[in-house]
Amino acid sequence: MQKLKNSNMGYTLRALRKVNGYTQDQLVAKLNLMGIEINRNVYSRIETCELNIPVNLLVGLQEIYSCTFDDFFRAPEDILR
């Protein structure tokens, strides 16, 4: 599985999740329904930048959030504005 390493992307993913009004449990459930197998513990570790981000996860999140892939590389504070 390909993974993307970006030291701040996890924090950006957290900001996107909060702006879109999802809890981690809700988001993980949506991802699982899309066939992206991930549990809340793993997703939490991605948001805290402890784990690299699987590319298939970004594809699923891009679909859920209806955002561009560029949004994943924005600073978290830019998302929360």
Protein backbone atom coordinates (compact mmCIF):
# COMPACT_ATOMS: atom_id res chain seq x y z
CA MET A 1 0.00 0.00 0.00
CA GLN A 2 1.36 3.41 -0.94
CA LYS A 3 1.61 5.97 1.83
CA LEU A 4 2.19 9.68 1.81
CA LYS A 5 4.42 11.30 4.39
CA ASN A 6 3.80 14.93 5.26
CA SER A 7 4.62 16.14 8.74
CA ASN A 8 1.58 18.42 9.09
CA MET A 9 -1.03 16.71 6.94
CA GLY A 10 -2.59 14.87 9.88
CA TYR A 11 -3.40 18.19 11.54
CA THR A 12 -4.92 19.40 8.28
CA LEU A 13 -7.05 16.24 8.11
CA ARG A 14 -8.29 16.97 11.64
CA ALA A 15 -9.20 20.53 10.63
CA LEU A 16 -11.07 19.31 7.54
CA ARG A 17 -12.97 16.75 9.61
CA LYS A 18 -14.03 19.36 12.16
CA VAL A 19 -15.03 21.92 9.51
CA ASN A 20 -17.18 19.24 7.88
CA GLY A 21 -18.81 18.35 11.20
CA TYR A 22 -17.70 14.73 11.58
CA THR A 23 -16.48 12.89 14.65
CA GLN A 24 -13.70 10.38 14.08
CA ASP A 25 -16.19 7.54 14.56
CA GLN A 26 -18.57 8.98 11.96
CA LEU A 27 -15.79 9.53 9.45
CA VAL A 28 -14.34 6.06 9.94
CA ALA A 29 -17.82 4.56 9.44
CA LYS A 30 -18.20 6.44 6.13
CA LEU A 31 -14.76 5.30 4.99
CA ASN A 32 -15.57 1.69 5.87
CA LEU A 33 -18.80 1.90 3.84
CA MET A 34 -16.64 3.03 0.91
CA GLY A 35 -14.49 -0.09 1.29
CA ILE A 36 -11.58 1.70 2.98
CA GLU A 37 -10.81 -0.45 5.98
CA ILE A 38 -9.58 1.68 8.85
CA ASN A 39 -10.46 1.85 12.52
CA ARG A 40 -10.76 4.90 14.75
CA ASN A 41 -7.51 4.20 16.59
CA VAL A 42 -5.50 4.14 13.37
CA TYR A 43 -7.28 7.23 12.04
CA SER A 44 -6.58 9.06 15.30
CA ARG A 45 -2.88 8.25 14.97
CA ILE A 46 -2.92 9.62 11.41
CA GLU A 47 -4.46 12.89 12.65
CA THR A 48 -1.74 13.22 15.29
CA CYS A 49 0.94 12.61 12.63
CA GLU A 50 2.09 9.35 14.24
CA LEU A 51 1.36 7.33 11.09
CA ASN A 52 1.82 8.01 7.40
CA ILE A 53 -1.33 8.49 5.37
CA PRO A 54 -2.41 5.75 2.94
CA VAL A 55 -3.13 7.19 -0.49
CA ASN A 56 -6.46 5.34 -0.70
CA LEU A 57 -7.51 7.17 2.48
CA LEU A 58 -6.88 10.54 0.82
CA VAL A 59 -8.92 9.48 -2.19
CA GLY A 60 -11.83 8.55 0.08
CA LEU A 61 -11.56 11.75 2.11
CA GLN A 62 -11.43 13.84 -1.06
CA GLU A 63 -14.73 12.28 -2.09
CA ILE A 64 -16.35 12.70 1.34
CA TYR A 65 -15.28 16.34 1.72
CA SER A 66 -15.74 17.27 -1.95
CA CYS A 67 -12.43 19.08 -1.83
CA THR A 68 -9.35 19.21 -4.01
CA PHE A 69 -6.24 17.25 -3.22
CA ASP A 70 -4.48 20.60 -2.78
CA ASP A 71 -6.63 21.18 0.30
CA PHE A 72 -4.81 18.34 2.07
CA PHE A 73 -1.56 20.30 1.81
CA ARG A 74 -2.94 23.55 3.24
CA ALA A 75 -2.05 24.69 6.72
CA PRO A 76 -4.64 23.62 9.33
CA GLU A 77 -5.18 27.22 10.43
CA ASP A 78 -6.11 28.16 6.84
CA ILE A 79 -8.84 25.51 6.86
CA LEU A 80 -10.29 26.63 10.19
CA ARG A 81 -10.75 30.25 9.03
